[in-house]
Amino acid sequence: MRARHRREILEIQPMVGWSKCAAEICSAMAARQRGHWMTEVARMIRRIVGWAQIAAHGVDLLAPIFDLAIRLYVASVFFKSGLVKIQSWESTVALFENEYAVPVVPPELAAYMGTATELIVPVFLVLGLGGRLAALVLFVFNIIAATSYPDISVAGIKDHILWGCLLAIIFFHGPGKLSLDRLILRWTNQASQ
């Protein structure tokens, strides 16, 4: 009888979800036991599962804000770097000629391309418009920037690793619910229905 009862409970598990199944198992175990302490354990487990569900729901509500915060942080780093470059264009070109070892591309063209990337792509990243593509472009740009400067410090390498990881999160996870990509997706889904 006991084995059959456990089998029935385990067969219910995929239908009702893990937390409900755990609560049902605890209730069944408590009902089958004569002792009062099993009933208390079952109640305690149900409470813990309930609090865990509430916490998970809270995390789900904060996820879009966290996604936006990541986009704002990474975009500000690259955008500020672009602003520094346009403040003194002659110094920027001199850096690309003498310091940065950018392969294949002439230094002045590399300075224009790098500055344009740092000023334009972060705007798309903040808006979440083409968020994955913007993250990918800045990810590749970050690798080029980190490898083309020979005198980069250990702290500088750590910064580039951090920015690369955050950009990878945006690329694989998407820009999140607070983005123009999500808004456009919602509009296109409504228009197609």
N, C-alpha and C. Protein backbone atom coordinates (compact mmCIF):
# COMPACT_ATOMS: atom_id res chain seq x y z
N MET A 1 0.82 -1.19 0.00
CA MET A 1 0.00 0.00 0.00
C MET A 1 0.86 1.25 0.00
N ARG A 2 1.89 1.24 0.83
CA ARG A 2 2.76 2.40 0.92
C ARG A 2 3.45 2.70 -0.41
N ALA A 3 4.01 1.70 -1.07
CA ALA A 3 4.71 1.88 -2.33
C ALA A 3 3.76 2.41 -3.40
N ARG A 4 2.53 1.87 -3.43
CA ARG A 4 1.56 2.35 -4.42
C ARG A 4 1.22 3.82 -4.17
N HIS A 5 1.05 4.20 -2.91
CA HIS A 5 0.72 5.58 -2.56
C HIS A 5 1.84 6.53 -2.98
N ARG A 6 3.09 6.15 -2.72
CA ARG A 6 4.22 6.98 -3.13
C ARG A 6 4.28 7.10 -4.65
N ARG A 7 4.02 6.01 -5.35
CA ARG A 7 4.04 6.03 -6.80
C ARG A 7 2.98 6.98 -7.33
N GLU A 8 1.80 6.97 -6.74
CA GLU A 8 0.73 7.87 -7.19
C GLU A 8 1.12 9.32 -6.98
N ILE A 9 1.74 9.61 -5.85
CA ILE A 9 2.17 10.98 -5.58
C ILE A 9 3.23 11.41 -6.57
N LEU A 10 4.19 10.54 -6.86
CA LEU A 10 5.25 10.88 -7.80
C LEU A 10 4.72 11.04 -9.22
N GLU A 11 3.65 10.33 -9.56
CA GLU A 11 3.05 10.50 -10.89
C GLU A 11 2.34 11.84 -11.01
N ILE A 12 1.90 12.41 -9.91
CA ILE A 12 1.24 13.71 -9.91
C ILE A 12 2.27 14.82 -10.13
N GLN A 13 3.51 14.61 -9.71
CA GLN A 13 4.53 15.64 -9.69
C GLN A 13 4.65 16.44 -10.99
N PRO A 14 4.76 15.84 -12.19
CA PRO A 14 4.92 16.66 -13.38
C PRO A 14 3.70 17.54 -13.67
N MET A 15 2.51 17.12 -13.22
CA MET A 15 1.31 17.88 -13.53
C MET A 15 1.17 19.12 -12.66
N VAL A 16 1.51 19.04 -11.40
CA VAL A 16 1.21 20.14 -10.48
C VAL A 16 2.42 21.00 -10.16
N GLY A 17 3.58 20.64 -10.57
CA GLY A 17 4.76 21.44 -10.29
C GLY A 17 5.45 20.92 -9.03
N TRP A 18 6.71 21.25 -8.91
CA TRP A 18 7.53 20.72 -7.83
C TRP A 18 7.04 21.16 -6.47
N SER A 19 6.75 22.44 -6.28
CA SER A 19 6.40 22.93 -4.95
C SER A 19 5.08 22.35 -4.46
N LYS A 20 4.08 22.25 -5.34
CA LYS A 20 2.80 21.67 -4.93
C LYS A 20 2.97 20.19 -4.63
N CYS A 21 3.78 19.52 -5.42
CA CYS A 21 4.02 18.10 -5.21
C CYS A 21 4.72 17.88 -3.87
N ALA A 22 5.69 18.72 -3.56
CA ALA A 22 6.39 18.60 -2.28
C ALA A 22 5.42 18.79 -1.13
N ALA A 23 4.53 19.77 -1.26
CA ALA A 23 3.54 19.99 -0.21
C ALA A 23 2.60 18.80 -0.09
N GLU A 24 2.19 18.21 -1.21
CA GLU A 24 1.30 17.05 -1.17
C GLU A 24 2.00 15.84 -0.56
N ILE A 25 3.25 15.64 -0.89
CA ILE A 25 4.00 14.53 -0.31
C ILE A 25 4.09 14.70 1.20
N CYS A 26 4.40 15.93 1.63
CA CYS A 26 4.50 16.18 3.06
C CYS A 26 3.16 15.97 3.75
N SER A 27 2.09 16.42 3.14
CA SER A 27 0.76 16.22 3.72
C SER A 27 0.42 14.75 3.82
N ALA A 28 0.71 14.01 2.75
CA ALA A 28 0.42 12.57 2.75
C ALA A 28 1.24 11.85 3.80
N MET A 29 2.51 12.23 3.90
CA MET A 29 3.35 11.59 4.91
C MET A 29 2.84 11.90 6.31
N ALA A 30 2.41 13.14 6.52
CA ALA A 30 1.92 13.53 7.83
C ALA A 30 0.63 12.80 8.16
N ALA A 31 -0.23 12.64 7.18
CA ALA A 31 -1.50 11.96 7.42
C ALA A 31 -1.27 10.48 7.73
N ARG A 32 -0.27 9.89 7.14
CA ARG A 32 -0.02 8.46 7.32
C ARG A 32 0.67 8.20 8.66
N GLN A 33 1.31 9.19 9.19
CA GLN A 33 1.99 9.00 10.47
C GLN A 33 1.02 9.30 11.61
N ARG A 34 1.23 8.66 12.71
CA ARG A 34 0.35 8.89 13.85
C ARG A 34 0.85 10.03 14.70
N GLY A 35 2.11 10.35 14.56
CA GLY A 35 2.69 11.38 15.42
C GLY A 35 2.36 12.79 14.95
N HIS A 36 2.24 13.69 15.90
CA HIS A 36 1.91 15.09 15.63
C HIS A 36 3.08 15.84 15.00
N TRP A 37 4.31 15.42 15.28
CA TRP A 37 5.48 16.15 14.79
C TRP A 37 5.59 16.12 13.28
N MET A 38 5.09 15.06 12.63
CA MET A 38 5.14 15.00 11.17
C MET A 38 4.23 16.06 10.55
N THR A 39 3.10 16.31 11.18
CA THR A 39 2.19 17.35 10.70
C THR A 39 2.87 18.71 10.77
N GLU A 40 3.60 18.94 11.84
CA GLU A 40 4.32 20.21 11.99
C GLU A 40 5.44 20.35 10.97
N VAL A 41 6.13 19.27 10.70
CA VAL A 41 7.19 19.30 9.68
C VAL A 41 6.59 19.61 8.31
N ALA A 42 5.46 19.00 8.01
CA ALA A 42 4.80 19.25 6.73
C ALA A 42 4.38 20.71 6.62
N ARG A 43 3.83 21.26 7.69
CA ARG A 43 3.44 22.69 7.67
C ARG A 43 4.66 23.59 7.48
N MET A 44 5.75 23.25 8.15
CA MET A 44 6.96 24.06 8.03
C MET A 44 7.50 24.00 6.61
N ILE A 45 7.50 22.83 6.00
CA ILE A 45 7.98 22.71 4.62
C ILE A 45 7.09 23.51 3.69
N ARG A 46 5.78 23.46 3.89
CA ARG A 46 4.85 24.24 3.06
C ARG A 46 5.12 25.73 3.19
N ARG A 47 5.39 26.18 4.42
CA ARG A 47 5.71 27.61 4.62
C ARG A 47 7.00 27.99 3.91
N ILE A 48 8.02 27.15 4.03
CA ILE A 48 9.30 27.43 3.38
C ILE A 48 9.13 27.50 1.86
N VAL A 49 8.38 26.55 1.32
CA VAL A 49 8.13 26.55 -0.13
C VAL A 49 7.36 27.81 -0.52
N GLY A 50 6.39 28.21 0.29
CA GLY A 50 5.63 29.44 0.01
C GLY A 50 6.51 30.67 0.00
N TRP A 51 7.40 30.79 1.00
CA TRP A 51 8.32 31.93 1.05
C TRP A 51 9.29 31.91 -0.12
N ALA A 52 9.74 30.73 -0.51
CA ALA A 52 10.64 30.62 -1.66
C ALA A 52 9.95 31.07 -2.95
N GLN A 53 8.67 30.73 -3.08
CA GLN A 53 7.92 31.17 -4.26
C GLN A 53 7.76 32.69 -4.28
N ILE A 54 7.49 33.28 -3.12
CA ILE A 54 7.37 34.73 -3.03
C ILE A 54 8.69 35.40 -3.38
N ALA A 55 9.79 34.87 -2.86
CA ALA A 55 11.12 35.43 -3.16
C ALA A 55 11.44 35.32 -4.65
N ALA A 56 11.10 34.17 -5.24
CA ALA A 56 11.36 33.99 -6.68
C ALA A 56 10.54 34.98 -7.50
N HIS A 57 9.32 35.24 -7.08
CA HIS A 57 8.47 36.20 -7.79
C HIS A 57 9.07 37.61 -7.67
N GLY A 58 9.59 37.95 -6.50
CA GLY A 58 10.23 39.25 -6.31
C GLY A 58 11.45 39.42 -7.20
N VAL A 59 12.24 38.37 -7.32
CA VAL A 59 13.41 38.41 -8.20
C VAL A 59 12.97 38.60 -9.65
N ASP A 60 11.89 37.91 -10.04
CA ASP A 60 11.37 38.07 -11.40
C ASP A 60 10.94 39.50 -11.68
N LEU A 61 10.38 40.17 -10.67
CA LEU A 61 9.95 41.56 -10.85
C LEU A 61 11.15 42.51 -10.97
N LEU A 62 12.26 42.18 -10.32
CA LEU A 62 13.44 43.05 -10.36
C LEU A 62 14.34 42.79 -11.58
N ALA A 63 14.16 41.68 -12.25
CA ALA A 63 15.04 41.31 -13.36
C ALA A 63 15.10 42.38 -14.47
N PRO A 64 13.96 42.96 -14.91
CA PRO A 64 14.06 43.98 -15.96
C PRO A 64 14.86 45.22 -15.53
N ILE A 65 14.76 45.59 -14.26
CA ILE A 65 15.52 46.74 -13.76
C ILE A 65 17.01 46.40 -13.75
N PHE A 66 17.33 45.18 -13.37
CA PHE A 66 18.72 44.73 -13.36
C PHE A 66 19.28 44.71 -14.78
N ASP A 67 18.49 44.22 -15.74
CA ASP A 67 18.92 44.21 -17.15
C ASP A 67 19.22 45.63 -17.63
N LEU A 68 18.33 46.57 -17.31
CA LEU A 68 18.53 47.96 -17.70
C LEU A 68 19.77 48.54 -17.04
N ALA A 69 19.98 48.25 -15.77
CA ALA A 69 21.15 48.76 -15.06
C ALA A 69 22.45 48.26 -15.69
N ILE A 70 22.48 47.01 -16.09
CA ILE A 70 23.68 46.48 -16.77
C ILE A 70 23.91 47.24 -18.07
N ARG A 71 22.84 47.43 -18.86
CA ARG A 71 22.99 48.15 -20.13
C ARG A 71 23.47 49.58 -19.90
N LEU A 72 22.91 50.26 -18.91
CA LEU A 72 23.31 51.64 -18.63
C LEU A 72 24.78 51.72 -18.20
N TYR A 73 25.20 50.80 -17.34
CA TYR A 73 26.58 50.83 -16.86
C TYR A 73 27.57 50.62 -17.99
N VAL A 74 27.38 49.56 -18.76
CA VAL A 74 28.34 49.24 -19.83
C VAL A 74 28.33 50.34 -20.89
N ALA A 75 27.15 50.81 -21.25
CA ALA A 75 27.07 51.86 -22.27
C ALA A 75 27.77 53.13 -21.81
N SER A 76 27.63 53.47 -20.52
CA SER A 76 28.27 54.70 -20.03
C SER A 76 29.79 54.61 -20.11
N VAL A 77 30.34 53.44 -19.86
CA VAL A 77 31.79 53.26 -19.93
C VAL A 77 32.30 53.56 -21.33
N PHE A 78 31.66 52.96 -22.33
CA PHE A 78 32.11 53.15 -23.72
C PHE A 78 31.80 54.57 -24.21
N PHE A 79 30.65 55.10 -23.85
CA PHE A 79 30.27 56.44 -24.31
C PHE A 79 31.22 57.50 -23.74
N LYS A 80 31.55 57.38 -22.45
CA LYS A 80 32.49 58.34 -21.84
C LYS A 80 33.86 58.26 -22.51
N SER A 81 34.27 57.07 -22.87
CA SER A 81 35.55 56.92 -23.57
C SER A 81 35.51 57.62 -24.92
N GLY A 82 34.38 57.52 -25.62
CA GLY A 82 34.22 58.21 -26.89
C GLY A 82 34.24 59.73 -26.72
N LEU A 83 33.61 60.21 -25.65
CA LEU A 83 33.61 61.66 -25.38
C LEU A 83 35.03 62.17 -25.12
N VAL A 84 35.82 61.39 -24.40
CA VAL A 84 37.21 61.78 -24.14
C VAL A 84 37.98 61.87 -25.45
N LYS A 85 37.72 60.94 -26.35
CA LYS A 85 38.44 60.94 -27.63
C LYS A 85 38.11 62.16 -28.49
N ILE A 86 36.86 62.62 -28.49
CA ILE A 86 36.52 63.77 -29.35
C ILE A 86 36.90 65.11 -28.71
N GLN A 87 37.23 65.12 -27.42
CA GLN A 87 37.65 66.37 -26.78
C GLN A 87 38.98 66.86 -27.35
N SER A 88 39.87 65.95 -27.66
CA SER A 88 41.15 66.32 -28.24
C SER A 88 41.45 65.33 -29.36
N TRP A 89 40.97 65.68 -30.55
CA TRP A 89 41.09 64.76 -31.67
C TRP A 89 42.54 64.50 -32.06
N GLU A 90 43.38 65.54 -31.99
CA GLU A 90 44.79 65.36 -32.36
C GLU A 90 45.47 64.36 -31.42
N SER A 91 45.15 64.43 -30.14
CA SER A 91 45.72 63.47 -29.18
C SER A 91 45.22 62.06 -29.46
N THR A 92 43.95 61.96 -29.85
CA THR A 92 43.38 60.65 -30.15
C THR A 92 44.09 60.02 -31.34
N VAL A 93 44.27 60.79 -32.39
CA VAL A 93 44.95 60.26 -33.58
C VAL A 93 46.40 59.89 -33.22
N ALA A 94 47.04 60.71 -32.40
CA ALA A 94 48.42 60.41 -31.98
C ALA A 94 48.46 59.10 -31.18
N LEU A 95 47.46 58.87 -30.33
CA LEU A 95 47.41 57.62 -29.57
C LEU A 95 47.28 56.42 -30.51
N PHE A 96 46.43 56.56 -31.52
CA PHE A 96 46.24 55.45 -32.46
C PHE A 96 47.49 55.24 -33.31
N GLU A 97 48.25 56.29 -33.56
CA GLU A 97 49.48 56.14 -34.35
C GLU A 97 50.62 55.55 -33.53
N ASN A 98 50.72 55.97 -32.25
CA ASN A 98 51.90 55.62 -31.46
C ASN A 98 51.68 54.55 -30.37
N GLU A 99 50.50 54.49 -29.78
CA GLU A 99 50.28 53.61 -28.64
C GLU A 99 49.51 52.33 -29.01
N TYR A 100 48.38 52.52 -29.65
CA TYR A 100 47.51 51.38 -29.95
C TYR A 100 48.07 50.62 -31.16
N ALA A 101 48.11 49.32 -31.04
CA ALA A 101 48.60 48.47 -32.12
C ALA A 101 47.41 47.86 -32.85
N VAL A 102 46.63 48.70 -33.50
CA VAL A 102 45.46 48.21 -34.24
C VAL A 102 45.94 47.59 -35.54
N PRO A 103 45.62 46.32 -35.76
CA PRO A 103 46.11 45.66 -36.97
C PRO A 103 45.32 46.06 -38.21
N VAL A 104 45.94 46.02 -39.35
CA VAL A 104 45.36 46.16 -40.70
C VAL A 104 44.89 47.58 -41.03
N VAL A 105 44.17 48.22 -40.14
CA VAL A 105 43.54 49.52 -40.43
C VAL A 105 44.52 50.66 -40.17
N PRO A 106 44.56 51.66 -41.07
CA PRO A 106 45.40 52.84 -40.82
C PRO A 106 44.98 53.55 -39.53
N PRO A 107 45.93 54.15 -38.81
CA PRO A 107 45.64 54.74 -37.50
C PRO A 107 44.51 55.78 -37.51
N GLU A 108 44.49 56.67 -38.49
CA GLU A 108 43.46 57.71 -38.49
C GLU A 108 42.07 57.11 -38.73
N LEU A 109 41.98 56.14 -39.63
CA LEU A 109 40.71 55.46 -39.87
C LEU A 109 40.28 54.68 -38.62
N ALA A 110 41.24 54.05 -37.95
CA ALA A 110 40.94 53.32 -36.71
C ALA A 110 40.43 54.28 -35.64
N ALA A 111 41.00 55.48 -35.58
CA ALA A 111 40.53 56.48 -34.61
C ALA A 111 39.09 56.88 -34.90
N TYR A 112 38.77 57.12 -36.17
CA TYR A 112 37.39 57.46 -36.53
C TYR A 112 36.43 56.30 -36.22
N MET A 113 36.82 55.11 -36.61
CA MET A 113 35.95 53.95 -36.39
C MET A 113 35.75 53.67 -34.90
N GLY A 114 36.81 53.73 -34.13
CA GLY A 114 36.72 53.47 -32.70
C GLY A 114 35.87 54.50 -31.98
N THR A 115 36.08 55.77 -32.31
CA THR A 115 35.31 56.83 -31.67
C THR A 115 33.84 56.75 -32.06
N ALA A 116 33.57 56.50 -33.33
CA ALA A 116 32.18 56.37 -33.77
C ALA A 116 31.50 55.19 -33.08
N THR A 117 32.21 54.09 -32.96
CA THR A 117 31.65 52.92 -32.27
C THR A 117 31.32 53.27 -30.82
N GLU A 118 32.24 53.96 -30.15
CA GLU A 118 32.03 54.29 -28.74
C GLU A 118 30.93 55.33 -28.52
N LEU A 119 30.63 56.13 -29.52
CA LEU A 119 29.59 57.16 -29.35
C LEU A 119 28.21 56.71 -29.86
N ILE A 120 28.16 55.83 -30.83
CA ILE A 120 26.88 55.45 -31.44
C ILE A 120 26.30 54.17 -30.85
N VAL A 121 27.09 53.13 -30.77
CA VAL A 121 26.58 51.82 -30.34
C VAL A 121 26.05 51.83 -28.90
N PRO A 122 26.67 52.54 -27.95
CA PRO A 122 26.10 52.57 -26.60
C PRO A 122 24.68 53.17 -26.54
N VAL A 123 24.37 54.08 -27.44
CA VAL A 123 23.01 54.63 -27.47
C VAL A 123 22.00 53.53 -27.82
N PHE A 124 22.34 52.70 -28.79
CA PHE A 124 21.47 51.57 -29.14
C PHE A 124 21.36 50.59 -27.97
N LEU A 125 22.47 50.39 -27.27
CA LEU A 125 22.46 49.48 -26.13
C LEU A 125 21.55 49.99 -25.02
N VAL A 126 21.63 51.27 -24.70
CA VAL A 126 20.78 51.85 -23.65
C VAL A 126 19.31 51.75 -24.04
N LEU A 127 18.99 52.06 -25.28
CA LEU A 127 17.60 52.00 -25.73
C LEU A 127 17.10 50.56 -25.85
N GLY A 128 18.02 49.64 -25.96
CA GLY A 128 17.63 48.25 -26.16
C GLY A 128 17.12 48.04 -27.57
N LEU A 129 17.62 48.81 -28.50
CA LEU A 129 17.23 48.70 -29.92
C LEU A 129 18.35 47.95 -30.63
N GLY A 130 18.04 46.74 -31.07
CA GLY A 130 19.09 45.88 -31.61
C GLY A 130 20.07 45.54 -30.50
N GLY A 131 19.54 45.27 -29.32
CA GLY A 131 20.34 45.10 -28.11
C GLY A 131 21.39 44.01 -28.21
N ARG A 132 21.01 42.87 -28.78
CA ARG A 132 21.98 41.77 -28.91
C ARG A 132 23.09 42.14 -29.88
N LEU A 133 22.74 42.77 -30.99
CA LEU A 133 23.75 43.18 -31.97
C LEU A 133 24.67 44.24 -31.37
N ALA A 134 24.09 45.21 -30.65
CA ALA A 134 24.91 46.24 -30.01
C ALA A 134 25.86 45.62 -28.99
N ALA A 135 25.37 44.65 -28.23
CA ALA A 135 26.22 43.97 -27.25
C ALA A 135 27.35 43.21 -27.94
N LEU A 136 27.03 42.57 -29.05
CA LEU A 136 28.05 41.82 -29.79
C LEU A 136 29.11 42.77 -30.36
N VAL A 137 28.69 43.89 -30.93
CA VAL A 137 29.64 44.87 -31.49
C VAL A 137 30.56 45.39 -30.39
N LEU A 138 29.99 45.76 -29.24
CA LEU A 138 30.82 46.27 -28.15
C LEU A 138 31.70 45.17 -27.55
N PHE A 139 31.23 43.93 -27.56
CA PHE A 139 32.03 42.82 -27.07
C PHE A 139 33.29 42.67 -27.93
N VAL A 140 33.12 42.66 -29.23
CA VAL A 140 34.26 42.54 -30.15
C VAL A 140 35.16 43.78 -30.02
N PHE A 141 34.54 44.95 -29.93
CA PHE A 141 35.31 46.20 -29.76
C PHE A 141 36.12 46.14 -28.47
N ASN A 142 35.53 45.61 -27.41
CA ASN A 142 36.21 45.49 -26.13
C ASN A 142 37.44 44.59 -26.24
N ILE A 143 37.31 43.50 -26.96
CA ILE A 143 38.45 42.59 -27.15
C ILE A 143 39.56 43.29 -27.93
N ILE A 144 39.17 44.00 -29.00
CA ILE A 144 40.17 44.72 -29.80
C ILE A 144 40.86 45.78 -28.95
N ALA A 145 40.09 46.52 -28.15
CA ALA A 145 40.67 47.58 -27.31
C ALA A 145 41.64 46.99 -26.28
N ALA A 146 41.26 45.87 -25.68
CA ALA A 146 42.11 45.28 -24.65
C ALA A 146 43.40 44.69 -25.22
N THR A 147 43.31 44.16 -26.42
CA THR A 147 44.51 43.52 -27.01
C THR A 147 45.39 44.48 -27.79
N SER A 148 44.85 45.64 -28.19
CA SER A 148 45.65 46.55 -29.01
C SER A 148 46.48 47.53 -28.18
N TYR A 149 46.24 47.60 -26.90
CA TYR A 149 47.03 48.51 -26.05
C TYR A 149 48.04 47.67 -25.27
N PRO A 150 49.32 47.77 -25.63
CA PRO A 150 50.33 46.88 -25.03
C PRO A 150 50.62 47.16 -23.56
N ASP A 151 50.42 48.38 -23.09
CA ASP A 151 50.79 48.74 -21.72
C ASP A 151 49.59 48.71 -20.77
N ILE A 152 48.62 47.88 -21.04
CA ILE A 152 47.42 47.83 -20.19
C ILE A 152 47.78 47.22 -18.83
N SER A 153 47.23 47.79 -17.77
CA SER A 153 47.52 47.32 -16.42
C SER A 153 46.64 46.12 -16.07
N VAL A 154 46.95 45.50 -14.94
CA VAL A 154 46.16 44.37 -14.47
C VAL A 154 44.73 44.84 -14.16
N ALA A 155 44.61 46.02 -13.56
CA ALA A 155 43.27 46.56 -13.27
C ALA A 155 42.51 46.83 -14.56
N GLY A 156 43.20 47.30 -15.58
CA GLY A 156 42.57 47.54 -16.88
C GLY A 156 42.06 46.25 -17.50
N ILE A 157 42.84 45.19 -17.37
CA ILE A 157 42.42 43.88 -17.90
C ILE A 157 41.18 43.40 -17.15
N LYS A 158 41.18 43.58 -15.83
CA LYS A 158 40.00 43.18 -15.03
C LYS A 158 38.77 43.96 -15.46
N ASP A 159 38.93 45.25 -15.73
CA ASP A 159 37.79 46.05 -16.20
C ASP A 159 37.26 45.52 -17.53
N HIS A 160 38.17 45.24 -18.45
CA HIS A 160 37.75 44.72 -19.75
C HIS A 160 37.07 43.35 -19.63
N ILE A 161 37.55 42.53 -18.71
CA ILE A 161 36.90 41.24 -18.49
C ILE A 161 35.49 41.45 -17.94
N LEU A 162 35.34 42.36 -16.98
CA LEU A 162 34.02 42.66 -16.43
C LEU A 162 33.07 43.15 -17.52
N TRP A 163 33.52 44.11 -18.32
CA TRP A 163 32.66 44.64 -19.39
C TRP A 163 32.32 43.55 -20.40
N GLY A 164 33.29 42.71 -20.72
CA GLY A 164 33.03 41.61 -21.64
C GLY A 164 32.00 40.64 -21.10
N CYS A 165 32.10 40.32 -19.81
CA CYS A 165 31.12 39.41 -19.20
C CYS A 165 29.72 40.02 -19.21
N LEU A 166 29.61 41.29 -18.87
CA LEU A 166 28.31 41.96 -18.87
C LEU A 166 27.73 42.03 -20.28
N LEU A 167 28.58 42.29 -21.25
CA LEU A 167 28.10 42.31 -22.64
C LEU A 167 27.67 40.92 -23.10
N ALA A 168 28.37 39.90 -22.64
CA ALA A 168 27.97 38.52 -22.98
C ALA A 168 26.61 38.20 -22.37
N ILE A 169 26.35 38.67 -21.15
CA ILE A 169 25.04 38.47 -20.53
C ILE A 169 23.96 39.11 -21.39
N ILE A 170 24.19 40.34 -21.83
CA ILE A 170 23.20 41.03 -22.66
C ILE A 170 23.02 40.29 -23.98
N PHE A 171 24.11 39.83 -24.57
CA PHE A 171 24.01 39.13 -25.84
C PHE A 171 23.20 37.83 -25.71
N PHE A 172 23.51 37.03 -24.71
CA PHE A 172 22.84 35.74 -24.58
C PHE A 172 21.45 35.85 -23.95
N HIS A 173 21.26 36.80 -23.05
CA HIS A 173 19.99 36.95 -22.35
C HIS A 173 19.03 37.89 -23.08
N GLY A 174 19.58 38.80 -23.87
CA GLY A 174 18.76 39.82 -24.53
C GLY A 174 18.72 41.08 -23.68
N PRO A 175 18.23 42.17 -24.24
CA PRO A 175 18.24 43.44 -23.51
C PRO A 175 17.21 43.51 -22.38
N GLY A 176 16.27 42.60 -22.31
CA GLY A 176 15.30 42.59 -21.22
C GLY A 176 13.98 43.21 -21.59
N LYS A 177 13.08 43.26 -20.60
CA LYS A 177 11.72 43.75 -20.83
C LYS A 177 11.66 45.26 -21.01
N LEU A 178 12.59 45.99 -20.41
CA LEU A 178 12.60 47.45 -20.53
C LEU A 178 13.49 47.86 -21.70
N SER A 179 13.06 47.48 -22.91
CA SER A 179 13.85 47.78 -24.10
C SER A 179 12.92 48.02 -25.29
N LEU A 180 13.46 48.72 -26.28
CA LEU A 180 12.67 48.93 -27.51
C LEU A 180 12.51 47.62 -28.28
N ASP A 181 13.48 46.73 -28.17
CA ASP A 181 13.33 45.42 -28.82
C ASP A 181 12.07 44.72 -28.33
N ARG A 182 11.83 44.72 -27.03
CA ARG A 182 10.65 44.07 -26.45
C ARG A 182 9.37 44.77 -26.90
N LEU A 183 9.42 46.11 -26.94
CA LEU A 183 8.25 46.88 -27.37
C LEU A 183 7.91 46.59 -28.84
N ILE A 184 8.92 46.55 -29.68
CA ILE A 184 8.71 46.25 -31.11
C ILE A 184 8.18 44.83 -31.27
N LEU A 185 8.72 43.89 -30.50
CA LEU A 185 8.25 42.51 -30.55
C LEU A 185 6.77 42.43 -30.15
N ARG A 186 6.40 43.16 -29.13
CA ARG A 186 5.00 43.18 -28.69
C ARG A 186 4.11 43.76 -29.77
N TRP A 187 4.53 44.86 -30.41
CA TRP A 187 3.74 45.48 -31.49
C TRP A 187 3.58 44.53 -32.66
N THR A 188 4.68 43.87 -33.05
CA THR A 188 4.58 42.96 -34.20
C THR A 188 3.71 41.75 -33.88
N ASN A 189 3.76 41.27 -32.66
CA ASN A 189 2.89 40.15 -32.27
C ASN A 189 1.43 40.55 -32.27
N GLN A 190 1.12 41.77 -31.82
CA GLN A 190 -0.26 42.24 -31.82
C GLN A 190 -0.75 42.47 -33.25
N ALA A 191 0.13 42.96 -34.11
CA ALA A 191 -0.27 43.23 -35.49
C ALA A 191 -0.51 41.93 -36.26
N SER A 192 0.23 40.88 -35.90
CA SER A 192 0.06 39.61 -36.63
C SER A 192 -1.15 38.81 -36.14
N GLN A 193 -1.71 39.19 -35.00
CA GLN A 193 -2.87 38.43 -34.50
C GLN A 193 -4.15 38.92 -35.02
